[in-house]
Each structure stands twice: as structure tokens, then as C-alpha cells.
Amino acid sequence: MTFYNKHKGETCLIIGVGPNLKLTPPEWFNCPSFGVNTLYKYPNYAPTYYVGVDERLRLEDGTQILERYPHVQKFFPTPEWDALQGENIYRFKHHAGGGLKVAGYSANDKDALKNGILYYRIMDAVFQIAWHMGFTTMLMIGVQHKPYDAQDSDRQHFWGLDEKAVSNQPFDWWFEGYRHFVSVMNGVKVLNISPETYVPETIIPRDDWRKYAKVIA
């Protein structure tokens, strides 16, 4: 199956799992969507696509992801996630080069998913898959990145506290990936429409989610 330019010129929704997701429920938007990480815990909603890359996610949540999203097209890296088998899985190669830059490389190339994409964090992978599919506007919700405080804000998600996560981690790699792909995805507009977000507008441009929501409860 090929996904190259499947959604050429369209708008997509990229759904993070921050606690601010409750302020912009994904069901309020009707464009194709990408879910990540523990979004499967969000009730009564399934994204158009799902992406997972972290080893801890595969080990601790893999079975639940497959059970919750049997009909969702799921993108997992090979060989890291090969042990997880199920329905509607598409495997993309994790580029062995490391970093985010390779001379002559673009995730927008026709065979990029087969040849390999570069990423540090989950959103790096989502950006490239969406770019490969031809999306030209990427709206982000559930993206908070609140600095650490006494309430363990950096470990909070829409479903509660991730007690196993390492607290007070620097956001450098997240922000490096955001900044890099916002700048290199030619012809693509990335907008952070998350309320109560702490990502600097100089890294991801912001906009008002009300301009894009189709249904507001």
C-alpha cells in the first residue's frame, strides 16, 4: 500500500496527549487525524491514523492499542516494533542515520517511508508521515509541554499522571524537532492551536482553534 500524496493539499489534525487536550476535544474537528502514544485511552474517539515509536509504549500499551484501534491504519517502525502483530499495521523503516538531517533526504520523497525516516520523538515521525501523505496544513492540539512544578505538570496527560515517566525532562529534543520540521517542510503550514500551551510561538506558530472546529459542545 502506498500513502504518497494520498491527502495532497488537505488539512490534518495531530493529536497530542497533554492535559490541555480536554479543552479541544478531537471530535470537534472533522479533518483526517493522527493519534499518538496513549491517545487510545481517550473514550469514544478513533483517529484516522495512529503512530507509535517508543519502546516503552510498545511493551506496556501495544496490546491495548491493537484492541482499541483494530480498524485504524497504524504506523510502526521496523525493526523495532516487528514483534507487535495485528490488523492494519503499516511498517516504516527507522532511518539508521540518526539526527534529523541527511543530505539529499526528504520525507516528501515517494519512497521515504520504505527507505527510512529520521526522528527523535513521536511528533518528528508524525510530521514526516503527514508530509509524505501530502498534507499542507497540520493543526496540533493536546500539545502543552508545561514546565515541571510541584504537581508534576510535565508528567500529566489528559488521562492523569504518568507515574513511570522521568520527571523534569528538558524539552530540547521536542522543540528541536518542532523547529526543524516547521522550517524544512516546504509548502506546509504547521499551527499549534492548543489552548494553555507552553511551546513558544517562535517554534510553532499559533492560531485560534475556534477557526477550525466544526462542532463545539
C-alpha atoms as a PDB file:
ATOM      1  CA  MET A   1       0.000   0.000   0.000  1.00  0.00           C
ATOM      2  CA  THR A   2       1.257   3.474  -0.827  1.00  0.00           C
ATOM      3  CA  PHE A   3       0.376   6.612   1.104  1.00  0.00           C
ATOM      4  CA  TYR A   4       2.378   9.029  -1.009  1.00  0.00           C
ATOM      5  CA  ASN A   5       0.307  12.184  -1.669  1.00  0.00           C
ATOM      6  CA  LYS A   6      -2.860  10.371  -0.601  1.00  0.00           C
ATOM      7  CA  HIS A   7      -4.052  13.594   1.054  1.00  0.00           C
ATOM      8  CA  LYS A   8      -2.386  16.124  -1.219  1.00  0.00           C
ATOM      9  CA  GLY A   9      -3.354  19.673  -0.297  1.00  0.00           C
ATOM     10  CA  GLU A  10      -5.523  18.660   2.681  1.00  0.00           C
ATOM     11  CA  THR A  11      -5.561  19.679   6.361  1.00  0.00           C
ATOM     12  CA  CYS A  12      -4.878  17.182   9.136  1.00  0.00           C
ATOM     13  CA  LEU A  13      -5.212  17.193  12.912  1.00  0.00           C
ATOM     14  CA  ILE A  14      -2.267  15.968  15.014  1.00  0.00           C
ATOM     15  CA  ILE A  15      -3.446  14.989  18.487  1.00  0.00           C
ATOM     16  CA  GLY A  16      -1.088  15.107  21.454  1.00  0.00           C
ATOM     17  CA  VAL A  17      -1.903  13.625  24.849  1.00  0.00           C
ATOM     18  CA  GLY A  18      -1.309  16.655  27.075  1.00  0.00           C
ATOM     19  CA  PRO A  19      -3.828  17.597  29.791  1.00  0.00           C
ATOM     20  CA  ASN A  20      -4.957  20.545  27.678  1.00  0.00           C
ATOM     21  CA  LEU A  21      -6.495  18.103  25.170  1.00  0.00           C
ATOM     22  CA  LYS A  22      -9.720  18.308  27.196  1.00  0.00           C
ATOM     23  CA  LEU A  23     -10.037  21.943  26.093  1.00  0.00           C
ATOM     24  CA  THR A  24     -10.184  20.980  22.408  1.00  0.00           C
ATOM     25  CA  PRO A  25     -11.757  17.510  22.155  1.00  0.00           C
ATOM     26  CA  PRO A  26     -10.651  15.907  18.882  1.00  0.00           C
ATOM     27  CA  GLU A  27     -14.235  15.063  17.934  1.00  0.00           C
ATOM     28  CA  TRP A  28     -14.830  18.783  17.432  1.00  0.00           C
ATOM     29  CA  PHE A  29     -12.749  18.613  14.245  1.00  0.00           C
ATOM     30  CA  ASN A  30     -13.663  16.690  11.111  1.00  0.00           C
ATOM     31  CA  CYS A  31     -10.384  16.571   9.163  1.00  0.00           C
ATOM     32  CA  PRO A  32      -8.200  13.429   8.941  1.00  0.00           C
ATOM     33  CA  SER A  33      -6.342  12.943  12.212  1.00  0.00           C
ATOM     34  CA  PHE A  34      -3.210  11.369  13.668  1.00  0.00           C
ATOM     35  CA  GLY A  35      -3.266   9.876  17.147  1.00  0.00           C
ATOM     36  CA  VAL A  36      -0.107   9.099  19.121  1.00  0.00           C
ATOM     37  CA  ASN A  37       1.074   7.356  22.272  1.00  0.00           C
ATOM     38  CA  THR A  38      -1.700   6.875  24.859  1.00  0.00           C
ATOM     39  CA  LEU A  39      -4.477   8.537  22.868  1.00  0.00           C
ATOM     40  CA  TYR A  40      -6.128   5.111  22.791  1.00  0.00           C
ATOM     41  CA  LYS A  41      -7.297   5.907  26.359  1.00  0.00           C
ATOM     42  CA  TYR A  42      -9.448   8.732  25.035  1.00  0.00           C
ATOM     43  CA  PRO A  43     -13.065   7.450  25.065  1.00  0.00           C
ATOM     44  CA  ASN A  44     -15.386   7.290  22.085  1.00  0.00           C
ATOM     45  CA  TYR A  45     -12.919   8.556  19.511  1.00  0.00           C
ATOM     46  CA  ALA A  46     -10.628   6.887  16.994  1.00  0.00           C
ATOM     47  CA  PRO A  47      -8.166   8.823  14.816  1.00  0.00           C
ATOM     48  CA  THR A  48      -7.825   8.272  11.098  1.00  0.00           C
ATOM     49  CA  TYR A  49      -4.210   7.191  11.612  1.00  0.00           C
ATOM     50  CA  TYR A  50      -2.127   6.211  14.612  1.00  0.00           C
ATOM     51  CA  VAL A  51       1.663   6.403  15.057  1.00  0.00           C
ATOM     52  CA  GLY A  52       3.798   4.811  17.765  1.00  0.00           C
ATOM     53  CA  VAL A  53       7.589   4.685  18.024  1.00  0.00           C
ATOM     54  CA  ASP A  54       8.658   4.386  21.693  1.00  0.00           C
ATOM     55  CA  GLU A  55       9.792   1.039  23.072  1.00  0.00           C
ATOM     56  CA  ARG A  56       8.045   1.564  26.389  1.00  0.00           C
ATOM     57  CA  LEU A  57       4.783   2.228  24.533  1.00  0.00           C
ATOM     58  CA  ARG A  58       5.139  -0.996  22.567  1.00  0.00           C
ATOM     59  CA  LEU A  59       5.834  -3.085  25.661  1.00  0.00           C
ATOM     60  CA  GLU A  60       3.276  -1.561  28.021  1.00  0.00           C
ATOM     61  CA  ASP A  61       0.493  -0.459  25.692  1.00  0.00           C
ATOM     62  CA  GLY A  62       0.894  -2.399  22.453  1.00  0.00           C
ATOM     63  CA  THR A  63      -1.842  -4.932  23.129  1.00  0.00           C
ATOM     64  CA  GLN A  64      -4.323  -2.242  24.193  1.00  0.00           C
ATOM     65  CA  ILE A  65      -3.552  -0.143  21.092  1.00  0.00           C
ATOM     66  CA  LEU A  66      -4.353  -3.089  18.835  1.00  0.00           C
ATOM     67  CA  GLU A  67      -7.535  -3.903  20.743  1.00  0.00           C
ATOM     68  CA  ARG A  68      -8.744  -0.301  20.755  1.00  0.00           C
ATOM     69  CA  TYR A  69      -7.836   0.512  17.146  1.00  0.00           C
ATOM     70  CA  PRO A  70      -8.279  -2.655  15.061  1.00  0.00           C
ATOM     71  CA  HIS A  71      -9.616  -0.725  12.040  1.00  0.00           C
ATOM     72  CA  VAL A  72      -7.251   2.260  12.288  1.00  0.00           C
ATOM     73  CA  GLN A  73      -4.239   2.327   9.967  1.00  0.00           C
ATOM     74  CA  LYS A  74      -1.300   2.139  12.359  1.00  0.00           C
ATOM     75  CA  PHE A  75       2.273   3.184  11.570  1.00  0.00           C
ATOM     76  CA  PHE A  76       5.040   1.411  13.492  1.00  0.00           C
ATOM     77  CA  PRO A  77       8.812   1.430  12.901  1.00  0.00           C
ATOM     78  CA  THR A  78      10.676  -1.589  11.652  1.00  0.00           C
ATOM     79  CA  PRO A  79      12.530  -3.476  13.013  1.00  0.00           C
ATOM     80  CA  GLU A  80      11.809  -2.027  16.483  1.00  0.00           C
ATOM     81  CA  TRP A  81       8.099  -2.876  16.544  1.00  0.00           C
ATOM     82  CA  ASP A  82       8.106  -6.023  14.393  1.00  0.00           C
ATOM     83  CA  ALA A  83       7.156  -8.208  17.361  1.00  0.00           C
ATOM     84  CA  LEU A  84       3.804  -6.462  17.633  1.00  0.00           C
ATOM     85  CA  GLN A  85       1.476  -8.120  15.157  1.00  0.00           C
ATOM     86  CA  GLY A  86      -2.095  -7.196  14.332  1.00  0.00           C
ATOM     87  CA  GLU A  87      -4.559  -5.732  11.867  1.00  0.00           C
ATOM     88  CA  ASN A  88      -3.972  -2.686   9.679  1.00  0.00           C
ATOM     89  CA  ILE A  89      -0.319  -2.165  10.545  1.00  0.00           C
ATOM     90  CA  TYR A  90       1.979  -0.332   8.143  1.00  0.00           C
ATOM     91  CA  ARG A  91       5.670  -0.538   8.939  1.00  0.00           C
ATOM     92  CA  PHE A  92       8.046   2.262   8.049  1.00  0.00           C
ATOM     93  CA  LYS A  93      11.792   1.999   8.325  1.00  0.00           C
ATOM     94  CA  HIS A  94      13.567   3.857  11.111  1.00  0.00           C
ATOM     95  CA  HIS A  95      16.444   5.571   9.315  1.00  0.00           C
ATOM     96  CA  ALA A  96      19.725   4.437  10.838  1.00  0.00           C
ATOM     97  CA  GLY A  97      21.471   7.744  10.143  1.00  0.00           C
ATOM     98  CA  GLY A  98      20.387   9.368  13.403  1.00  0.00           C
ATOM     99  CA  GLY A  99      19.660  13.037  13.934  1.00  0.00           C
ATOM    100  CA  LEU A 100      17.147  14.921  11.821  1.00  0.00           C
ATOM    101  CA  LYS A 101      19.227  15.850   8.780  1.00  0.00           C
ATOM    102  CA  VAL A 102      20.627  13.798   5.908  1.00  0.00           C
ATOM    103  CA  ALA A 103      21.906  15.411   2.728  1.00  0.00           C
ATOM    104  CA  GLY A 104      19.515  14.855  -0.171  1.00  0.00           C
ATOM    105  CA  TYR A 105      16.848  13.337   2.059  1.00  0.00           C
ATOM    106  CA  SER A 106      13.203  14.375   2.278  1.00  0.00           C
ATOM    107  CA  ALA A 107      10.244  12.596   3.867  1.00  0.00           C
ATOM    108  CA  ASN A 108       8.256  14.021   0.944  1.00  0.00           C
ATOM    109  CA  ASP A 109      10.055  11.628  -1.418  1.00  0.00           C
ATOM    110  CA  LYS A 110       7.914   8.889  -2.918  1.00  0.00           C
ATOM    111  CA  ASP A 111       9.794   6.024  -1.222  1.00  0.00           C
ATOM    112  CA  ALA A 112      10.650   7.800   2.031  1.00  0.00           C
ATOM    113  CA  LEU A 113       8.716   5.507   4.366  1.00  0.00           C
ATOM    114  CA  LYS A 114      10.294   2.443   2.799  1.00  0.00           C
ATOM    115  CA  ASN A 115      13.795   3.935   2.763  1.00  0.00           C
ATOM    116  CA  GLY A 116      13.504   5.323   6.277  1.00  0.00           C
ATOM    117  CA  ILE A 117      12.565   8.460   8.176  1.00  0.00           C
ATOM    118  CA  LEU A 118      14.514  10.273  10.884  1.00  0.00           C
ATOM    119  CA  TYR A 119      13.172  11.082  14.324  1.00  0.00           C
ATOM    120  CA  TYR A 120      13.959  11.667  17.963  1.00  0.00           C
ATOM    121  CA  ARG A 121      10.415  11.919  19.267  1.00  0.00           C
ATOM    122  CA  ILE A 122       6.973  10.797  18.180  1.00  0.00           C
ATOM    123  CA  MET A 123       5.954  14.116  16.633  1.00  0.00           C
ATOM    124  CA  ASP A 124       9.039  14.076  14.384  1.00  0.00           C
ATOM    125  CA  ALA A 125       7.717  10.835  12.894  1.00  0.00           C
ATOM    126  CA  VAL A 126       4.143  12.127  12.613  1.00  0.00           C
ATOM    127  CA  PHE A 127       5.229  15.290  10.793  1.00  0.00           C
ATOM    128  CA  GLN A 128       7.099  13.246   8.207  1.00  0.00           C
ATOM    129  CA  ILE A 129       4.333  10.705   7.651  1.00  0.00           C
ATOM    130  CA  ALA A 130       1.791  13.511   7.252  1.00  0.00           C
ATOM    131  CA  TRP A 131       4.123  15.383   4.898  1.00  0.00           C
ATOM    132  CA  HIS A 132       4.644  12.198   2.890  1.00  0.00           C
ATOM    133  CA  MET A 133       0.864  11.894   2.576  1.00  0.00           C
ATOM    134  CA  GLY A 134       0.680  15.384   1.106  1.00  0.00           C
ATOM    135  CA  PHE A 135      -0.999  17.319   3.900  1.00  0.00           C
ATOM    136  CA  THR A 136      -0.245  21.028   3.568  1.00  0.00           C
ATOM    137  CA  THR A 137      -1.800  22.259   6.831  1.00  0.00           C
ATOM    138  CA  MET A 138      -1.119  20.467  10.123  1.00  0.00           C
ATOM    139  CA  LEU A 139      -3.141  21.547  13.157  1.00  0.00           C
ATOM    140  CA  MET A 140      -1.845  20.455  16.562  1.00  0.00           C
ATOM    141  CA  ILE A 141      -3.962  20.006  19.695  1.00  0.00           C
ATOM    142  CA  GLY A 142      -3.130  18.484  23.080  1.00  0.00           C
ATOM    143  CA  VAL A 143       0.384  19.954  22.883  1.00  0.00           C
ATOM    144  CA  GLN A 144       1.194  21.527  26.243  1.00  0.00           C
ATOM    145  CA  HIS A 145       4.802  20.977  27.482  1.00  0.00           C
ATOM    146  CA  LYS A 146       4.233  22.810  30.742  1.00  0.00           C
ATOM    147  CA  PRO A 147       7.490  23.117  32.719  1.00  0.00           C
ATOM    148  CA  TYR A 148       7.879  20.982  35.810  1.00  0.00           C
ATOM    149  CA  ASP A 149       6.176  22.157  39.003  1.00  0.00           C
ATOM    150  CA  ALA A 150       5.041  20.693  42.301  1.00  0.00           C
ATOM    151  CA  GLN A 151       2.106  18.976  40.564  1.00  0.00           C
ATOM    152  CA  ASP A 152       4.416  17.058  38.194  1.00  0.00           C
ATOM    153  CA  SER A 153       2.961  19.062  35.310  1.00  0.00           C
ATOM    154  CA  ASP A 154       5.430  17.620  32.815  1.00  0.00           C
ATOM    155  CA  ARG A 155       4.153  14.089  33.513  1.00  0.00           C
ATOM    156  CA  GLN A 156       0.461  14.908  33.313  1.00  0.00           C
ATOM    157  CA  HIS A 157      -1.705  13.707  30.428  1.00  0.00           C
ATOM    158  CA  PHE A 158      -5.374  14.075  29.592  1.00  0.00           C
ATOM    159  CA  TRP A 159      -5.988  10.793  31.431  1.00  0.00           C
ATOM    160  CA  GLY A 160      -3.886  11.569  34.518  1.00  0.00           C
ATOM    161  CA  LEU A 161      -0.330  11.322  35.887  1.00  0.00           C
ATOM    162  CA  ASP A 162       2.205   9.048  34.199  1.00  0.00           C
ATOM    163  CA  GLU A 163       3.920   7.853  37.353  1.00  0.00           C
ATOM    164  CA  LYS A 164       6.533   5.834  35.434  1.00  0.00           C
ATOM    165  CA  ALA A 165       7.786   8.753  33.353  1.00  0.00           C
ATOM    166  CA  VAL A 166      11.005  10.520  34.312  1.00  0.00           C
ATOM    167  CA  SER A 167      10.097  13.886  35.779  1.00  0.00           C
ATOM    168  CA  ASN A 168      11.529  17.268  34.851  1.00  0.00           C
ATOM    169  CA  GLN A 169      12.992  16.216  31.496  1.00  0.00           C
ATOM    170  CA  PRO A 170      14.232  19.043  29.263  1.00  0.00           C
ATOM    171  CA  PHE A 171      12.075  19.844  26.247  1.00  0.00           C
ATOM    172  CA  ASP A 172      15.090  20.412  23.975  1.00  0.00           C
ATOM    173  CA  TRP A 173      14.580  17.374  21.741  1.00  0.00           C
ATOM    174  CA  TRP A 174      10.848  18.031  21.378  1.00  0.00           C
ATOM    175  CA  PHE A 175      11.453  21.662  20.492  1.00  0.00           C
ATOM    176  CA  GLU A 176      14.376  20.832  18.192  1.00  0.00           C
ATOM    177  CA  GLY A 177      12.139  18.513  16.184  1.00  0.00           C
ATOM    178  CA  TYR A 178       9.289  21.010  16.073  1.00  0.00           C
ATOM    179  CA  ARG A 179      11.568  23.814  14.936  1.00  0.00           C
ATOM    180  CA  HIS A 180      13.326  21.665  12.336  1.00  0.00           C
ATOM    181  CA  PHE A 181      10.254  20.282  10.579  1.00  0.00           C
ATOM    182  CA  VAL A 182       8.295  23.537  10.700  1.00  0.00           C
ATOM    183  CA  SER A 183      11.185  25.086   8.768  1.00  0.00           C
ATOM    184  CA  VAL A 184      12.026  22.294   6.278  1.00  0.00           C
ATOM    185  CA  MET A 185       8.556  21.123   5.212  1.00  0.00           C
ATOM    186  CA  ASN A 186       8.270  23.386   2.198  1.00  0.00           C
ATOM    187  CA  GLY A 187       4.720  24.404   1.372  1.00  0.00           C
ATOM    188  CA  VAL A 188       3.413  23.071   4.702  1.00  0.00           C
ATOM    189  CA  LYS A 189       1.855  25.225   7.441  1.00  0.00           C
ATOM    190  CA  VAL A 190       2.083  23.849  10.994  1.00  0.00           C
ATOM    191  CA  LEU A 191      -0.118  25.572  13.575  1.00  0.00           C
ATOM    192  CA  ASN A 192      -0.331  24.931  17.306  1.00  0.00           C
ATOM    193  CA  ILE A 193      -3.989  25.527  18.131  1.00  0.00           C
ATOM    194  CA  SER A 194      -3.732  24.022  21.633  1.00  0.00           C
ATOM    195  CA  PRO A 195      -5.087  26.208  24.449  1.00  0.00           C
ATOM    196  CA  GLU A 196      -2.858  26.597  27.516  1.00  0.00           C
ATOM    197  CA  THR A 197       0.243  25.631  25.576  1.00  0.00           C
ATOM    198  CA  TYR A 198       3.801  26.459  26.608  1.00  0.00           C
ATOM    199  CA  VAL A 199       5.504  25.884  23.250  1.00  0.00           C
ATOM    200  CA  PRO A 200       6.979  29.221  22.126  1.00  0.00           C
ATOM    201  CA  GLU A 201       5.286  30.724  19.091  1.00  0.00           C
ATOM    202  CA  THR A 202       8.753  31.184  17.599  1.00  0.00           C
ATOM    203  CA  ILE A 203       8.991  27.368  17.426  1.00  0.00           C
ATOM    204  CA  ILE A 204       5.462  26.504  16.270  1.00  0.00           C
ATOM    205  CA  PRO A 205       3.210  29.334  15.038  1.00  0.00           C
ATOM    206  CA  ARG A 206      -0.112  29.540  16.890  1.00  0.00           C
ATOM    207  CA  ASP A 207      -3.683  30.105  15.844  1.00  0.00           C
ATOM    208  CA  ASP A 208      -7.144  30.068  17.419  1.00  0.00           C
ATOM    209  CA  TRP A 209      -8.732  26.608  17.459  1.00  0.00           C
ATOM    210  CA  ARG A 210     -12.193  28.171  17.005  1.00  0.00           C
ATOM    211  CA  LYS A 211     -11.326  28.928  13.386  1.00  0.00           C
ATOM    212  CA  TYR A 212     -11.030  25.204  12.654  1.00  0.00           C
ATOM    213  CA  ALA A 213     -13.511  23.430  14.945  1.00  0.00           C
ATOM    214  CA  LYS A 214     -16.648  22.265  13.168  1.00  0.00           C
ATOM    215  CA  VAL A 215     -18.604  21.262  16.258  1.00  0.00           C
ATOM    216  CA  ILE A 216     -18.475  22.882  19.690  1.00  0.00           C
ATOM    217  CA  ALA A 217     -20.442  21.281  22.524  1.00  0.00           C
END
